[in-house]
Amino acid sequence: MSENLSDRLTELEIRHAEQEKTIEELSGEIAEQWKLITALNKKLSSLTDRFLELEEQTAPEVAVTKPPHW
């Protein structure tokens, strides 16, 4: 193998290794963000349910009546 071809091959191997490392790091970040999104969705659902329960407890009963023009 000529020196130029050997240098090119070494450069490609270095780039490949760096890209593999970057992909692994990004994959880890995505996994962490997915866990956070899941936890936030659960919290939002819980808070929404709690809000609706409190709203039901505090909402005054509205009588169903016909408007005066009927």
PDB file of N, CA and C in Angstrom:
ATOM      1  N   MET A   1       0.851  -1.174   0.000  1.00  0.00           N
ATOM      2  CA  MET A   1       0.000   0.000   0.000  1.00  0.00           C
ATOM      3  C   MET A   1       0.897   1.237   0.000  1.00  0.00           C
ATOM      4  N   SER A   2       0.529   2.193  -0.788  1.00  0.00           N
ATOM      5  CA  SER A   2       1.328   3.416  -0.796  1.00  0.00           C
ATOM      6  C   SER A   2       1.050   4.222   0.470  1.00  0.00           C
ATOM      7  N   GLU A   3       1.969   5.102   0.748  1.00  0.00           N
ATOM      8  CA  GLU A   3       1.833   5.896   1.981  1.00  0.00           C
ATOM      9  C   GLU A   3       0.582   6.775   1.932  1.00  0.00           C
ATOM     10  N   ASN A   4       0.283   7.330   0.775  1.00  0.00           N
ATOM     11  CA  ASN A   4      -0.884   8.187   0.630  1.00  0.00           C
ATOM     12  C   ASN A   4      -2.168   7.397   0.889  1.00  0.00           C
ATOM     13  N   LEU A   5      -2.240   6.207   0.328  1.00  0.00           N
ATOM     14  CA  LEU A   5      -3.423   5.374   0.526  1.00  0.00           C
ATOM     15  C   LEU A   5      -3.540   4.938   1.986  1.00  0.00           C
ATOM     16  N   SER A   6      -2.428   4.632   2.598  1.00  0.00           N
ATOM     17  CA  SER A   6      -2.407   4.251   4.008  1.00  0.00           C
ATOM     18  C   SER A   6      -2.860   5.414   4.892  1.00  0.00           C
ATOM     19  N   ASP A   7      -2.416   6.622   4.575  1.00  0.00           N
ATOM     20  CA  ASP A   7      -2.831   7.807   5.330  1.00  0.00           C
ATOM     21  C   ASP A   7      -4.334   8.041   5.188  1.00  0.00           C
ATOM     22  N   ARG A   8      -4.851   7.862   3.991  1.00  0.00           N
ATOM     23  CA  ARG A   8      -6.279   8.048   3.761  1.00  0.00           C
ATOM     24  C   ARG A   8      -7.084   7.019   4.545  1.00  0.00           C
ATOM     25  N   LEU A   9      -6.605   5.776   4.548  1.00  0.00           N
ATOM     26  CA  LEU A   9      -7.290   4.728   5.289  1.00  0.00           C
ATOM     27  C   LEU A   9      -7.286   5.019   6.785  1.00  0.00           C
ATOM     28  N   THR A  10      -6.155   5.470   7.306  1.00  0.00           N
ATOM     29  CA  THR A  10      -6.064   5.825   8.727  1.00  0.00           C
ATOM     30  C   THR A  10      -7.023   6.965   9.057  1.00  0.00           C
ATOM     31  N   GLU A  11      -7.069   7.971   8.184  1.00  0.00           N
ATOM     32  CA  GLU A  11      -7.980   9.107   8.397  1.00  0.00           C
ATOM     33  C   GLU A  11      -9.435   8.636   8.411  1.00  0.00           C
ATOM     34  N   LEU A  12      -9.793   7.752   7.505  1.00  0.00           N
ATOM     35  CA  LEU A  12     -11.164   7.225   7.471  1.00  0.00           C
ATOM     36  C   LEU A  12     -11.489   6.421   8.721  1.00  0.00           C
ATOM     37  N   GLU A  13     -10.543   5.640   9.199  1.00  0.00           N
ATOM     38  CA  GLU A  13     -10.761   4.862  10.415  1.00  0.00           C
ATOM     39  C   GLU A  13     -10.951   5.779  11.620  1.00  0.00           C
ATOM     40  N   ILE A  14     -10.181   6.869  11.669  1.00  0.00           N
ATOM     41  CA  ILE A  14     -10.317   7.844  12.763  1.00  0.00           C
ATOM     42  C   ILE A  14     -11.691   8.494  12.709  1.00  0.00           C
ATOM     43  N   ARG A  15     -12.088   8.919  11.529  1.00  0.00           N
ATOM     44  CA  ARG A  15     -13.408   9.545  11.382  1.00  0.00           C
ATOM     45  C   ARG A  15     -14.525   8.572  11.776  1.00  0.00           C
ATOM     46  N   HIS A  16     -14.385   7.338  11.340  1.00  0.00           N
ATOM     47  CA  HIS A  16     -15.395   6.324  11.672  1.00  0.00           C
ATOM     48  C   HIS A  16     -15.506   6.147  13.185  1.00  0.00           C
ATOM     49  N   ALA A  17     -14.374   6.055  13.862  1.00  0.00           N
ATOM     50  CA  ALA A  17     -14.382   5.884  15.322  1.00  0.00           C
ATOM     51  C   ALA A  17     -15.019   7.091  16.002  1.00  0.00           C
ATOM     52  N   GLU A  18     -14.699   8.294  15.526  1.00  0.00           N
ATOM     53  CA  GLU A  18     -15.276   9.512  16.115  1.00  0.00           C
ATOM     54  C   GLU A  18     -16.789   9.551  15.891  1.00  0.00           C
ATOM     55  N   GLN A  19     -17.234   9.141  14.708  1.00  0.00           N
ATOM     56  CA  GLN A  19     -18.668   9.143  14.421  1.00  0.00           C
ATOM     57  C   GLN A  19     -19.402   8.095  15.259  1.00  0.00           C
ATOM     58  N   GLU A  20     -18.796   6.951  15.452  1.00  0.00           N
ATOM     59  CA  GLU A  20     -19.409   5.933  16.308  1.00  0.00           C
ATOM     60  C   GLU A  20     -19.577   6.457  17.727  1.00  0.00           C
ATOM     61  N   LYS A  21     -18.558   7.143  18.237  1.00  0.00           N
ATOM     62  CA  LYS A  21     -18.617   7.713  19.584  1.00  0.00           C
ATOM     63  C   LYS A  21     -19.736   8.750  19.669  1.00  0.00           C
ATOM     64  N   THR A  22     -19.810   9.614  18.659  1.00  0.00           N
ATOM     65  CA  THR A  22     -20.846  10.646  18.638  1.00  0.00           C
ATOM     66  C   THR A  22     -22.240  10.024  18.603  1.00  0.00           C
ATOM     67  N   ILE A  23     -22.424   8.996  17.792  1.00  0.00           N
ATOM     68  CA  ILE A  23     -23.728   8.316  17.694  1.00  0.00           C
ATOM     69  C   ILE A  23     -24.099   7.695  19.036  1.00  0.00           C
ATOM     70  N   GLU A  24     -23.155   7.072  19.707  1.00  0.00           N
ATOM     71  CA  GLU A  24     -23.424   6.475  21.019  1.00  0.00           C
ATOM     72  C   GLU A  24     -23.811   7.545  22.042  1.00  0.00           C
ATOM     73  N   GLU A  25     -23.104   8.684  22.009  1.00  0.00           N
ATOM     74  CA  GLU A  25     -23.435   9.775  22.938  1.00  0.00           C
ATOM     75  C   GLU A  25     -24.822  10.325  22.665  1.00  0.00           C
ATOM     76  N   LEU A  26     -25.143  10.531  21.389  1.00  0.00           N
ATOM     77  CA  LEU A  26     -26.470  11.039  21.029  1.00  0.00           C
ATOM     78  C   LEU A  26     -27.566  10.048  21.407  1.00  0.00           C
ATOM     79  N   SER A  27     -27.304   8.779  21.219  1.00  0.00           N
ATOM     80  CA  SER A  27     -28.274   7.753  21.591  1.00  0.00           C
ATOM     81  C   SER A  27     -28.547   7.791  23.089  1.00  0.00           C
ATOM     82  N   GLY A  28     -27.487   7.952  23.871  1.00  0.00           N
ATOM     83  CA  GLY A  28     -27.655   8.059  25.323  1.00  0.00           C
ATOM     84  C   GLY A  28     -28.465   9.277  25.711  1.00  0.00           C
ATOM     85  N   GLU A  29     -28.208  10.406  25.055  1.00  0.00           N
ATOM     86  CA  GLU A  29     -28.967  11.632  25.341  1.00  0.00           C
ATOM     87  C   GLU A  29     -30.444  11.450  24.986  1.00  0.00           C
ATOM     88  N   ILE A  30     -30.706  10.827  23.860  1.00  0.00           N
ATOM     89  CA  ILE A  30     -32.095  10.596  23.455  1.00  0.00           C
ATOM     90  C   ILE A  30     -32.805   9.697  24.466  1.00  0.00           C
ATOM     91  N   ALA A  31     -32.115   8.676  24.942  1.00  0.00           N
ATOM     92  CA  ALA A  31     -32.719   7.782  25.933  1.00  0.00           C
ATOM     93  C   ALA A  31     -33.050   8.541  27.210  1.00  0.00           C
ATOM     94  N   GLU A  32     -32.150   9.409  27.663  1.00  0.00           N
ATOM     95  CA  GLU A  32     -32.410  10.210  28.871  1.00  0.00           C
ATOM     96  C   GLU A  32     -33.575  11.165  28.653  1.00  0.00           C
ATOM     97  N   GLN A  33     -33.625  11.800  27.496  1.00  0.00           N
ATOM     98  CA  GLN A  33     -34.727  12.725  27.213  1.00  0.00           C
ATOM     99  C   GLN A  33     -36.054  11.983  27.134  1.00  0.00           C
ATOM    100  N   TRP A  34     -36.043  10.766  26.589  1.00  0.00           N
ATOM    101  CA  TRP A  34     -37.277   9.979  26.503  1.00  0.00           C
ATOM    102  C   TRP A  34     -37.792   9.648  27.898  1.00  0.00           C
ATOM    103  N   LYS A  35     -36.865   9.303  28.813  1.00  0.00           N
ATOM    104  CA  LYS A  35     -37.263   9.027  30.198  1.00  0.00           C
ATOM    105  C   LYS A  35     -37.893  10.273  30.817  1.00  0.00           C
ATOM    106  N   LEU A  36     -37.296  11.423  30.573  1.00  0.00           N
ATOM    107  CA  LEU A  36     -37.820  12.676  31.125  1.00  0.00           C
ATOM    108  C   LEU A  36     -39.197  12.991  30.542  1.00  0.00           C
ATOM    109  N   ILE A  37     -39.344  12.815  29.241  1.00  0.00           N
ATOM    110  CA  ILE A  37     -40.638  13.070  28.597  1.00  0.00           C
ATOM    111  C   ILE A  37     -41.715  12.150  29.182  1.00  0.00           C
ATOM    112  N   THR A  38     -41.380  10.889  29.375  1.00  0.00           N
ATOM    113  CA  THR A  38     -42.326   9.930  29.946  1.00  0.00           C
ATOM    114  C   THR A  38     -42.735  10.355  31.355  1.00  0.00           C
ATOM    115  N   ALA A  39     -41.751  10.742  32.163  1.00  0.00           N
ATOM    116  CA  ALA A  39     -42.048  11.174  33.534  1.00  0.00           C
ATOM    117  C   ALA A  39     -42.910  12.434  33.530  1.00  0.00           C
ATOM    118  N   LEU A  40     -42.609  13.378  32.650  1.00  0.00           N
ATOM    119  CA  LEU A  40     -43.390  14.617  32.580  1.00  0.00           C
ATOM    120  C   LEU A  40     -44.814  14.336  32.100  1.00  0.00           C
ATOM    121  N   ASN A  41     -44.979  13.420  31.163  1.00  0.00           N
ATOM    122  CA  ASN A  41     -46.328  13.056  30.711  1.00  0.00           C
ATOM    123  C   ASN A  41     -47.144  12.443  31.838  1.00  0.00           C
ATOM    124  N   LYS A  42     -46.518  11.589  32.641  1.00  0.00           N
ATOM    125  CA  LYS A  42     -47.216  10.992  33.785  1.00  0.00           C
ATOM    126  C   LYS A  42     -47.615  12.072  34.784  1.00  0.00           C
ATOM    127  N   LYS A  43     -46.696  12.999  35.050  1.00  0.00           N
ATOM    128  CA  LYS A  43     -46.979  14.086  36.000  1.00  0.00           C
ATOM    129  C   LYS A  43     -48.113  14.967  35.476  1.00  0.00           C
ATOM    130  N   LEU A  44     -48.071  15.289  34.185  1.00  0.00           N
ATOM    131  CA  LEU A  44     -49.125  16.112  33.593  1.00  0.00           C
ATOM    132  C   LEU A  44     -50.476  15.423  33.690  1.00  0.00           C
ATOM    133  N   SER A  45     -50.502  14.140  33.403  1.00  0.00           N
ATOM    134  CA  SER A  45     -51.752  13.388  33.485  1.00  0.00           C
ATOM    135  C   SER A  45     -52.293  13.380  34.912  1.00  0.00           C
ATOM    136  N   SER A  46     -51.397  13.175  35.868  1.00  0.00           N
ATOM    137  CA  SER A  46     -51.797  13.167  37.273  1.00  0.00           C
ATOM    138  C   SER A  46     -52.338  14.528  37.697  1.00  0.00           C
ATOM    139  N   LEU A  47     -51.649  15.585  37.302  1.00  0.00           N
ATOM    140  CA  LEU A  47     -52.106  16.934  37.669  1.00  0.00           C
ATOM    141  C   LEU A  47     -53.416  17.285  36.977  1.00  0.00           C
ATOM    142  N   THR A  48     -53.585  16.839  35.748  1.00  0.00           N
ATOM    143  CA  THR A  48     -54.836  17.090  35.030  1.00  0.00           C
ATOM    144  C   THR A  48     -55.996  16.399  35.736  1.00  0.00           C
ATOM    145  N   ASP A  49     -55.791  15.140  36.121  1.00  0.00           N
ATOM    146  CA  ASP A  49     -56.841  14.409  36.851  1.00  0.00           C
ATOM    147  C   ASP A  49     -57.172  15.111  38.161  1.00  0.00           C
ATOM    148  N   ARG A  50     -56.138  15.528  38.867  1.00  0.00           N
ATOM    149  CA  ARG A  50     -56.358  16.213  40.154  1.00  0.00           C
ATOM    150  C   ARG A  50     -57.121  17.518  39.957  1.00  0.00           C
ATOM    151  N   PHE A  51     -56.749  18.277  38.921  1.00  0.00           N
ATOM    152  CA  PHE A  51     -57.438  19.532  38.639  1.00  0.00           C
ATOM    153  C   PHE A  51     -58.906  19.289  38.333  1.00  0.00           C
ATOM    154  N   LEU A  52     -59.190  18.283  37.520  1.00  0.00           N
ATOM    155  CA  LEU A  52     -60.585  17.996  37.170  1.00  0.00           C
ATOM    156  C   LEU A  52     -61.391  17.573  38.390  1.00  0.00           C
ATOM    157  N   GLU A  53     -60.775  16.792  39.282  1.00  0.00           N
ATOM    158  CA  GLU A  53     -61.462  16.402  40.521  1.00  0.00           C
ATOM    159  C   GLU A  53     -61.765  17.624  41.381  1.00  0.00           C
ATOM    160  N   LEU A  54     -60.798  18.507  41.533  1.00  0.00           N
ATOM    161  CA  LEU A  54     -61.013  19.713  42.334  1.00  0.00           C
ATOM    162  C   LEU A  54     -62.045  20.625  41.697  1.00  0.00           C
ATOM    163  N   GLU A  55     -62.016  20.697  40.382  1.00  0.00           N
ATOM    164  CA  GLU A  55     -62.983  21.536  39.682  1.00  0.00           C
ATOM    165  C   GLU A  55     -64.404  21.004  39.898  1.00  0.00           C
ATOM    166  N   GLU A  56     -64.561  19.702  39.876  1.00  0.00           N
ATOM    167  CA  GLU A  56     -65.873  19.103  40.125  1.00  0.00           C
ATOM    168  C   GLU A  56     -66.361  19.399  41.538  1.00  0.00           C
ATOM    169  N   GLN A  57     -65.445  19.343  42.501  1.00  0.00           N
ATOM    170  CA  GLN A  57     -65.814  19.573  43.903  1.00  0.00           C
ATOM    171  C   GLN A  57     -66.191  21.022  44.169  1.00  0.00           C
ATOM    172  N   THR A  58     -65.564  21.947  43.477  1.00  0.00           N
ATOM    173  CA  THR A  58     -65.786  23.362  43.771  1.00  0.00           C
ATOM    174  C   THR A  58     -66.789  24.029  42.843  1.00  0.00           C
ATOM    175  N   ALA A  59     -67.122  23.401  41.720  1.00  0.00           N
ATOM    176  CA  ALA A  59     -68.058  24.015  40.775  1.00  0.00           C
ATOM    177  C   ALA A  59     -69.458  24.018  41.370  1.00  0.00           C
ATOM    178  N   PRO A  60     -70.120  25.173  41.318  1.00  0.00           N
ATOM    179  CA  PRO A  60     -71.497  25.224  41.829  1.00  0.00           C
ATOM    180  C   PRO A  60     -72.432  24.464  40.893  1.00  0.00           C
ATOM    181  N   GLU A  61     -73.453  23.890  41.493  1.00  0.00           N
ATOM    182  CA  GLU A  61     -74.460  23.199  40.701  1.00  0.00           C
ATOM    183  C   GLU A  61     -75.258  24.255  39.940  1.00  0.00           C
ATOM    184  N   VAL A  62     -75.327  24.103  38.652  1.00  0.00           N
ATOM    185  CA  VAL A  62     -76.077  25.050  37.828  1.00  0.00           C
ATOM    186  C   VAL A  62     -77.400  24.394  37.464  1.00  0.00           C
ATOM    187  N   ALA A  63     -78.473  25.067  37.847  1.00  0.00           N
ATOM    188  CA  ALA A  63     -79.801  24.535  37.550  1.00  0.00           C
ATOM    189  C   ALA A  63     -80.083  24.676  36.062  1.00  0.00           C
ATOM    190  N   VAL A  64     -80.675  23.663  35.514  1.00  0.00           N
ATOM    191  CA  VAL A  64     -81.029  23.711  34.099  1.00  0.00           C
ATOM    192  C   VAL A  64     -82.410  24.350  34.008  1.00  0.00           C
ATOM    193  N   THR A  65     -82.452  25.534  33.465  1.00  0.00           N
ATOM    194  CA  THR A  65     -83.724  26.261  33.329  1.00  0.00           C
ATOM    195  C   THR A  65     -83.837  26.778  31.908  1.00  0.00           C
ATOM    196  N   LYS A  66     -85.086  27.036  31.513  1.00  0.00           N
ATOM    197  CA  LYS A  66     -85.302  27.583  30.188  1.00  0.00           C
ATOM    198  C   LYS A  66     -85.037  29.090  30.235  1.00  0.00           C
ATOM    199  N   PRO A  67     -84.466  29.614  29.181  1.00  0.00           N
ATOM    200  CA  PRO A  67     -84.269  31.062  29.131  1.00  0.00           C
ATOM    201  C   PRO A  67     -85.624  31.781  29.165  1.00  0.00           C
ATOM    202  N   PRO A  68     -85.644  33.035  29.591  1.00  0.00           N
ATOM    203  CA  PRO A  68     -86.917  33.772  29.746  1.00  0.00           C
ATOM    204  C   PRO A  68     -87.728  33.887  28.467  1.00  0.00           C
ATOM    205  N   HIS A  69     -87.097  33.863  27.308  1.00  0.00           N
ATOM    206  CA  HIS A  69     -87.849  34.058  26.062  1.00  0.00           C
ATOM    207  C   HIS A  69     -88.568  32.797  25.588  1.00  0.00           C
ATOM    208  N   TRP A  70     -88.526  31.693  26.360  1.00  0.00           N
ATOM    209  CA  TRP A  70     -89.208  30.472  25.949  1.00  0.00           C
ATOM    210  C   TRP A  70     -90.594  30.497  26.446  1.00  0.00           C
TER     211      TRP A  70
END
